């Protein structure tokens, strides 16, 4: 699944490929925002840990496209 995180005052977004379900990611984001955590930590499907300052998150998009891998540029 692909997760895109928009960061305040930044034109680019973070794009991560994560294992698991959309509900799991949404719960992690909700817990970080509501729980007063300063950093949201996510681990991508290659084992890399990415931290995002919770107060800088503008939006989170979760794309679950089972079995559909994109190649090249664009979303088409």
PDB file of N, CA and C in Angstrom:
ATOM      1  N   UNK A   1       0.848  -1.158   0.000  1.00  0.00           N
ATOM      2  CA  UNK A   1       0.000   0.000   0.000  1.00  0.00           C
ATOM      3  C   UNK A   1       0.891   1.217   0.000  1.00  0.00           C
ATOM      4  N   UNK A   2       0.445   2.269  -0.634  1.00  0.00           N
ATOM      5  CA  UNK A   2       1.197   3.520  -0.695  1.00  0.00           C
ATOM      6  C   UNK A   2       0.568   4.533   0.248  1.00  0.00           C
ATOM      7  N   UNK A   3       1.420   5.209   1.010  1.00  0.00           N
ATOM      8  CA  UNK A   3       0.970   6.259   1.921  1.00  0.00           C
ATOM      9  C   UNK A   3       1.704   7.539   1.550  1.00  0.00           C
ATOM     10  N   UNK A   4       0.955   8.606   1.323  1.00  0.00           N
ATOM     11  CA  UNK A   4       1.527   9.914   1.032  1.00  0.00           C
ATOM     12  C   UNK A   4       1.213  10.832   2.208  1.00  0.00           C
ATOM     13  N   UNK A   5       2.251  11.507   2.697  1.00  0.00           N
ATOM     14  CA  UNK A   5       2.088  12.413   3.832  1.00  0.00           C
ATOM     15  C   UNK A   5       2.503  13.806   3.388  1.00  0.00           C
ATOM     16  N   UNK A   6       1.567  14.729   3.465  1.00  0.00           N
ATOM     17  CA  UNK A   6       1.868  16.124   3.160  1.00  0.00           C
ATOM     18  C   UNK A   6       2.432  16.797   4.396  1.00  0.00           C
ATOM     19  N   UNK A   7       3.451  17.621   4.200  1.00  0.00           N
ATOM     20  CA  UNK A   7       4.106  18.320   5.299  1.00  0.00           C
ATOM     21  C   UNK A   7       3.870  19.821   5.124  1.00  0.00           C
ATOM     22  N   UNK A   8       3.502  20.486   6.204  1.00  0.00           N
ATOM     23  CA  UNK A   8       3.204  21.913   6.197  1.00  0.00           C
ATOM     24  C   UNK A   8       4.405  22.701   5.669  1.00  0.00           C
ATOM     25  N   UNK A   9       4.138  23.693   4.831  1.00  0.00           N
ATOM     26  CA  UNK A   9       5.137  24.608   4.265  1.00  0.00           C
ATOM     27  C   UNK A   9       6.149  23.901   3.367  1.00  0.00           C
ATOM     28  N   UNK A  10       5.789  22.749   2.816  1.00  0.00           N
ATOM     29  CA  UNK A  10       6.668  22.009   1.920  1.00  0.00           C
ATOM     30  C   UNK A  10       5.856  21.588   0.697  1.00  0.00           C
ATOM     31  N   UNK A  11       6.327  21.917  -0.510  1.00  0.00           N
ATOM     32  CA  UNK A  11       5.549  21.562  -1.699  1.00  0.00           C
ATOM     33  C   UNK A  11       5.549  20.068  -2.017  1.00  0.00           C
ATOM     34  N   UNK A  12       6.541  19.346  -1.544  1.00  0.00           N
ATOM     35  CA  UNK A  12       6.591  17.909  -1.819  1.00  0.00           C
ATOM     36  C   UNK A  12       5.928  17.142  -0.686  1.00  0.00           C
ATOM     37  N   UNK A  13       5.616  15.878  -0.979  1.00  0.00           N
ATOM     38  CA  UNK A  13       5.054  15.016   0.046  1.00  0.00           C
ATOM     39  C   UNK A  13       5.948  13.797   0.233  1.00  0.00           C
ATOM     40  N   UNK A  14       5.828  13.154   1.372  1.00  0.00           N
ATOM     41  CA  UNK A  14       6.548  11.914   1.623  1.00  0.00           C
ATOM     42  C   UNK A  14       5.730  10.774   1.043  1.00  0.00           C
ATOM     43  N   UNK A  15       6.355   9.913   0.268  1.00  0.00           N
ATOM     44  CA  UNK A  15       5.673   8.755  -0.320  1.00  0.00           C
ATOM     45  C   UNK A  15       6.341   7.499   0.221  1.00  0.00           C
ATOM     46  N   UNK A  16       5.543   6.643   0.869  1.00  0.00           N
ATOM     47  CA  UNK A  16       6.056   5.420   1.475  1.00  0.00           C
ATOM     48  C   UNK A  16       5.257   4.218   0.997  1.00  0.00           C
ATOM     49  N   UNK A  17       5.941   3.105   0.803  1.00  0.00           N
ATOM     50  CA  UNK A  17       5.290   1.828   0.536  1.00  0.00           C
ATOM     51  C   UNK A  17       5.300   1.056   1.848  1.00  0.00           C
ATOM     52  N   UNK A  18       4.113   0.771   2.383  1.00  0.00           N
ATOM     53  CA  UNK A  18       4.006   0.104   3.673  1.00  0.00           C
ATOM     54  C   UNK A  18       3.285  -1.230   3.540  1.00  0.00           C
ATOM     55  N   UNK A  19       3.641  -2.154   4.417  1.00  0.00           N
ATOM     56  CA  UNK A  19       2.905  -3.401   4.553  1.00  0.00           C
ATOM     57  C   UNK A  19       1.791  -3.169   5.570  1.00  0.00           C
ATOM     58  N   UNK A  20       0.807  -4.033   5.574  1.00  0.00           N
ATOM     59  CA  UNK A  20      -0.283  -3.908   6.530  1.00  0.00           C
ATOM     60  C   UNK A  20      -1.531  -3.371   5.861  1.00  0.00           C
ATOM     61  N   UNK A  21      -2.450  -2.912   6.700  1.00  0.00           N
ATOM     62  CA  UNK A  21      -3.726  -2.429   6.171  1.00  0.00           C
ATOM     63  C   UNK A  21      -3.860  -0.923   6.353  1.00  0.00           C
ATOM     64  N   UNK A  22      -4.792  -0.352   5.626  1.00  0.00           N
ATOM     65  CA  UNK A  22      -5.063   1.077   5.731  1.00  0.00           C
ATOM     66  C   UNK A  22      -5.549   1.428   7.130  1.00  0.00           C
ATOM     67  N   UNK A  23      -6.318   0.539   7.737  1.00  0.00           N
ATOM     68  CA  UNK A  23      -6.806   0.786   9.087  1.00  0.00           C
ATOM     69  C   UNK A  23      -5.666   0.870  10.094  1.00  0.00           C
ATOM     70  N   UNK A  24      -4.643   0.022   9.920  1.00  0.00           N
ATOM     71  CA  UNK A  24      -3.479   0.058  10.816  1.00  0.00           C
ATOM     72  C   UNK A  24      -2.766   1.403  10.731  1.00  0.00           C
ATOM     73  N   UNK A  25      -2.562   1.889   9.518  1.00  0.00           N
ATOM     74  CA  UNK A  25      -1.883   3.173   9.325  1.00  0.00           C
ATOM     75  C   UNK A  25      -2.734   4.303   9.898  1.00  0.00           C
ATOM     76  N   UNK A  26      -4.022   4.276   9.622  1.00  0.00           N
ATOM     77  CA  UNK A  26      -4.909   5.321  10.135  1.00  0.00           C
ATOM     78  C   UNK A  26      -4.902   5.339  11.663  1.00  0.00           C
ATOM     79  N   UNK A  27      -4.872   4.174  12.288  1.00  0.00           N
ATOM     80  CA  UNK A  27      -4.830   4.101  13.751  1.00  0.00           C
ATOM     81  C   UNK A  27      -3.532   4.669  14.294  1.00  0.00           C
ATOM     82  N   UNK A  28      -2.406   4.399  13.618  1.00  0.00           N
ATOM     83  CA  UNK A  28      -1.119   4.946  14.054  1.00  0.00           C
ATOM     84  C   UNK A  28      -1.112   6.468  13.964  1.00  0.00           C
ATOM     85  N   UNK A  29      -1.652   7.003  12.868  1.00  0.00           N
ATOM     86  CA  UNK A  29      -1.708   8.454  12.685  1.00  0.00           C
ATOM     87  C   UNK A  29      -2.619   9.073  13.741  1.00  0.00           C
ATOM     88  N   UNK A  30      -3.803   8.498  13.934  1.00  0.00           N
ATOM     89  CA  UNK A  30      -4.738   9.012  14.939  1.00  0.00           C
ATOM     90  C   UNK A  30      -4.124   8.988  16.332  1.00  0.00           C
ATOM     91  N   UNK A  31      -3.463   7.895  16.678  1.00  0.00           N
ATOM     92  CA  UNK A  31      -2.850   7.772  18.003  1.00  0.00           C
ATOM     93  C   UNK A  31      -1.756   8.817  18.199  1.00  0.00           C
ATOM     94  N   UNK A  32      -0.962   9.069  17.156  1.00  0.00           N
ATOM     95  CA  UNK A  32       0.109  10.060  17.260  1.00  0.00           C
ATOM     96  C   UNK A  32      -0.461  11.465  17.427  1.00  0.00           C
ATOM     97  N   UNK A  33      -1.513  11.779  16.677  1.00  0.00           N
ATOM     98  CA  UNK A  33      -2.098  13.117  16.726  1.00  0.00           C
ATOM     99  C   UNK A  33      -2.835  13.339  18.047  1.00  0.00           C
ATOM    100  N   UNK A  34      -3.622  12.382  18.470  1.00  0.00           N
ATOM    101  CA  UNK A  34      -4.433  12.536  19.671  1.00  0.00           C
ATOM    102  C   UNK A  34      -3.660  12.261  20.959  1.00  0.00           C
ATOM    103  N   UNK A  35      -2.597  11.459  20.848  1.00  0.00           N
ATOM    104  CA  UNK A  35      -1.865  11.063  22.039  1.00  0.00           C
ATOM    105  C   UNK A  35      -0.786  12.021  22.470  1.00  0.00           C
ATOM    106  N   UNK A  36      -0.616  13.116  21.757  1.00  0.00           N
ATOM    107  CA  UNK A  36       0.387  14.087  22.147  1.00  0.00           C
ATOM    108  C   UNK A  36       1.810  13.681  21.793  1.00  0.00           C
ATOM    109  N   UNK A  37       1.964  12.690  20.922  1.00  0.00           N
ATOM    110  CA  UNK A  37       3.285  12.274  20.475  1.00  0.00           C
ATOM    111  C   UNK A  37       3.865  13.357  19.573  1.00  0.00           C
ATOM    112  N   UNK A  38       5.157  13.576  19.662  1.00  0.00           N
ATOM    113  CA  UNK A  38       5.750  14.616  18.843  1.00  0.00           C
ATOM    114  C   UNK A  38       6.173  14.122  17.465  1.00  0.00           C
ATOM    115  N   UNK A  39       6.420  12.801  17.327  1.00  0.00           N
ATOM    116  CA  UNK A  39       6.869  12.240  16.055  1.00  0.00           C
ATOM    117  C   UNK A  39       6.053  10.994  15.721  1.00  0.00           C
ATOM    118  N   UNK A  40       5.590  10.920  14.474  1.00  0.00           N
ATOM    119  CA  UNK A  40       4.937   9.719  13.950  1.00  0.00           C
ATOM    120  C   UNK A  40       6.010   8.888  13.269  1.00  0.00           C
ATOM    121  N   UNK A  41       6.221   7.684  13.756  1.00  0.00           N
ATOM    122  CA  UNK A  41       7.220   6.784  13.176  1.00  0.00           C
ATOM    123  C   UNK A  41       6.527   5.704  12.375  1.00  0.00           C
ATOM    124  N   UNK A  42       6.963   5.525  11.122  1.00  0.00           N
ATOM    125  CA  UNK A  42       6.452   4.471  10.251  1.00  0.00           C
ATOM    126  C   UNK A  42       7.635   3.705   9.680  1.00  0.00           C
ATOM    127  N   UNK A  43       7.457   2.412   9.470  1.00  0.00           N
ATOM    128  CA  UNK A  43       8.498   1.576   8.873  1.00  0.00           C
ATOM    129  C   UNK A  43       8.004   1.097   7.527  1.00  0.00           C
ATOM    130  N   UNK A  44       8.763   1.400   6.456  1.00  0.00           N
ATOM    131  CA  UNK A  44       8.329   1.000   5.118  1.00  0.00           C
ATOM    132  C   UNK A  44       8.616  -0.477   4.878  1.00  0.00           C
ATOM    133  N   UNK A  45       8.225  -0.961   3.700  1.00  0.00           N
ATOM    134  CA  UNK A  45       8.341  -2.393   3.420  1.00  0.00           C
ATOM    135  C   UNK A  45       9.776  -2.834   3.145  1.00  0.00           C
ATOM    136  N   UNK A  46      10.731  -1.898   3.162  1.00  0.00           N
ATOM    137  CA  UNK A  46      12.146  -2.241   3.036  1.00  0.00           C
ATOM    138  C   UNK A  46      12.858  -2.161   4.384  1.00  0.00           C
ATOM    139  N   UNK A  47      12.103  -1.872   5.439  1.00  0.00           N
ATOM    140  CA  UNK A  47      12.665  -1.818   6.774  1.00  0.00           C
ATOM    141  C   UNK A  47      13.187  -0.465   7.211  1.00  0.00           C
ATOM    142  N   UNK A  48      13.014   0.557   6.384  1.00  0.00           N
ATOM    143  CA  UNK A  48      13.473   1.902   6.741  1.00  0.00           C
ATOM    144  C   UNK A  48      12.454   2.571   7.655  1.00  0.00           C
ATOM    145  N   UNK A  49      12.946   3.221   8.707  1.00  0.00           N
ATOM    146  CA  UNK A  49      12.066   3.960   9.617  1.00  0.00           C
ATOM    147  C   UNK A  49      12.069   5.428   9.234  1.00  0.00           C
ATOM    148  N   UNK A  50      10.866   5.987   9.143  1.00  0.00           N
ATOM    149  CA  UNK A  50      10.697   7.391   8.771  1.00  0.00           C
ATOM    150  C   UNK A  50       9.911   8.071   9.881  1.00  0.00           C
ATOM    151  N   UNK A  51      10.419   9.195  10.340  1.00  0.00           N
ATOM    152  CA  UNK A  51       9.735   9.967  11.374  1.00  0.00           C
ATOM    153  C   UNK A  51       9.253  11.287  10.821  1.00  0.00           C
ATOM    154  N   UNK A  52       8.023  11.649  11.170  1.00  0.00           N
ATOM    155  CA  UNK A  52       7.434  12.910  10.725  1.00  0.00           C
ATOM    156  C   UNK A  52       6.929  13.639  11.967  1.00  0.00           C
ATOM    157  N   UNK A  53       7.315  14.901  12.101  1.00  0.00           N
ATOM    158  CA  UNK A  53       6.819  15.707  13.219  1.00  0.00           C
ATOM    159  C   UNK A  53       5.299  15.840  13.106  1.00  0.00           C
ATOM    160  N   UNK A  54       4.591  15.425  14.147  1.00  0.00           N
ATOM    161  CA  UNK A  54       3.129  15.379  14.101  1.00  0.00           C
ATOM    162  C   UNK A  54       2.532  16.763  13.854  1.00  0.00           C
ATOM    163  N   UNK A  55       3.118  17.799  14.442  1.00  0.00           N
ATOM    164  CA  UNK A  55       2.552  19.137  14.261  1.00  0.00           C
ATOM    165  C   UNK A  55       2.812  19.712  12.874  1.00  0.00           C
ATOM    166  N   UNK A  56       3.565  19.000  12.041  1.00  0.00           N
ATOM    167  CA  UNK A  56       3.851  19.451  10.672  1.00  0.00           C
ATOM    168  C   UNK A  56       3.074  18.659   9.617  1.00  0.00           C
ATOM    169  N   UNK A  57       2.255  17.695  10.036  1.00  0.00           N
ATOM    170  CA  UNK A  57       1.484  16.881   9.084  1.00  0.00           C
ATOM    171  C   UNK A  57       0.294  17.690   8.582  1.00  0.00           C
ATOM    172  N   UNK A  58       0.230  17.863   7.254  1.00  0.00           N
ATOM    173  CA  UNK A  58      -0.884  18.577   6.632  1.00  0.00           C
ATOM    174  C   UNK A  58      -2.004  17.605   6.258  1.00  0.00           C
ATOM    175  N   UNK A  59      -1.639  16.434   5.713  1.00  0.00           N
ATOM    176  CA  UNK A  59      -2.628  15.429   5.321  1.00  0.00           C
ATOM    177  C   UNK A  59      -1.948  14.078   5.175  1.00  0.00           C
ATOM    178  N   UNK A  60      -2.761  13.034   5.172  1.00  0.00           N
ATOM    179  CA  UNK A  60      -2.288  11.670   4.941  1.00  0.00           C
ATOM    180  C   UNK A  60      -3.223  11.021   3.936  1.00  0.00           C
ATOM    181  N   UNK A  61      -2.649  10.509   2.839  1.00  0.00           N
ATOM    182  CA  UNK A  61      -3.417   9.765   1.836  1.00  0.00           C
ATOM    183  C   UNK A  61      -2.974   8.309   1.886  1.00  0.00           C
ATOM    184  N   UNK A  62      -3.944   7.408   1.899  1.00  0.00           N
ATOM    185  CA  UNK A  62      -3.643   5.978   1.933  1.00  0.00           C
ATOM    186  C   UNK A  62      -4.259   5.351   0.689  1.00  0.00           C
ATOM    187  N   UNK A  63      -3.409   4.711  -0.113  1.00  0.00           N
ATOM    188  CA  UNK A  63      -3.861   4.081  -1.359  1.00  0.00           C
ATOM    189  C   UNK A  63      -3.659   2.578  -1.250  1.00  0.00           C
ATOM    190  N   UNK A  64      -4.749   1.854  -1.262  1.00  0.00           N
ATOM    191  CA  UNK A  64      -4.672   0.396  -1.268  1.00  0.00           C
ATOM    192  C   UNK A  64      -5.055  -0.099  -2.655  1.00  0.00           C
ATOM    193  N   UNK A  65      -4.058  -0.428  -3.467  1.00  0.00           N
ATOM    194  CA  UNK A  65      -4.361  -1.004  -4.779  1.00  0.00           C
ATOM    195  C   UNK A  65      -3.714  -2.376  -4.828  1.00  0.00           C
ATOM    196  N   UNK A  66      -4.476  -3.345  -4.435  1.00  0.00           N
ATOM    197  CA  UNK A  66      -4.001  -4.720  -4.344  1.00  0.00           C
ATOM    198  C   UNK A  66      -3.571  -5.250  -5.701  1.00  0.00           C
ATOM    199  N   UNK A  67      -2.350  -5.736  -5.769  1.00  0.00           N
ATOM    200  CA  UNK A  67      -1.864  -6.399  -6.965  1.00  0.00           C
ATOM    201  C   UNK A  67      -1.536  -5.492  -8.133  1.00  0.00           C
ATOM    202  N   UNK A  68      -1.652  -4.189  -7.966  1.00  0.00           N
ATOM    203  CA  UNK A  68      -1.384  -3.276  -9.076  1.00  0.00           C
ATOM    204  C   UNK A  68      -0.115  -2.499  -8.779  1.00  0.00           C
ATOM    205  N   UNK A  69       0.948  -2.824  -9.482  1.00  0.00           N
ATOM    206  CA  UNK A  69       2.214  -2.122  -9.313  1.00  0.00           C
ATOM    207  C   UNK A  69       2.400  -1.161 -10.455  1.00  0.00           C
ATOM    208  N   UNK A  70       2.758   0.083 -10.145  1.00  0.00           N
ATOM    209  CA  UNK A  70       3.017   1.073 -11.180  1.00  0.00           C
ATOM    210  C   UNK A  70       4.491   1.013 -11.574  1.00  0.00           C
ATOM    211  N   UNK A  71       4.739   1.277 -12.831  1.00  0.00           N
ATOM    212  CA  UNK A  71       6.094   1.329 -13.341  1.00  0.00           C
ATOM    213  C   UNK A  71       6.259   2.645 -14.082  1.00  0.00           C
ATOM    214  N   UNK A  72       7.341   3.339 -13.832  1.00  0.00           N
ATOM    215  CA  UNK A  72       7.580   4.603 -14.520  1.00  0.00           C
ATOM    216  C   UNK A  72       7.022   5.769 -13.766  1.00  0.00           C
ATOM    217  N   UNK A  73       6.703   6.825 -14.480  1.00  0.00           N
ATOM    218  CA  UNK A  73       6.251   8.059 -13.869  1.00  0.00           C
ATOM    219  C   UNK A  73       4.737   8.175 -13.940  1.00  0.00           C
ATOM    220  N   UNK A  74       4.179   8.950 -13.028  1.00  0.00           N
ATOM    221  CA  UNK A  74       2.755   9.224 -13.056  1.00  0.00           C
ATOM    222  C   UNK A  74       1.942   8.235 -12.264  1.00  0.00           C
ATOM    223  N   UNK A  75       0.671   8.505 -12.197  1.00  0.00           N
ATOM    224  CA  UNK A  75      -0.253   7.669 -11.423  1.00  0.00           C
ATOM    225  C   UNK A  75      -1.200   6.899 -12.334  1.00  0.00           C
ATOM    226  N   UNK A  76      -1.053   7.024 -13.608  1.00  0.00           N
ATOM    227  CA  UNK A  76      -2.002   6.444 -14.546  1.00  0.00           C
ATOM    228  C   UNK A  76      -1.911   5.037 -14.738  1.00  0.00           C
TER     229      UNK A  76
END
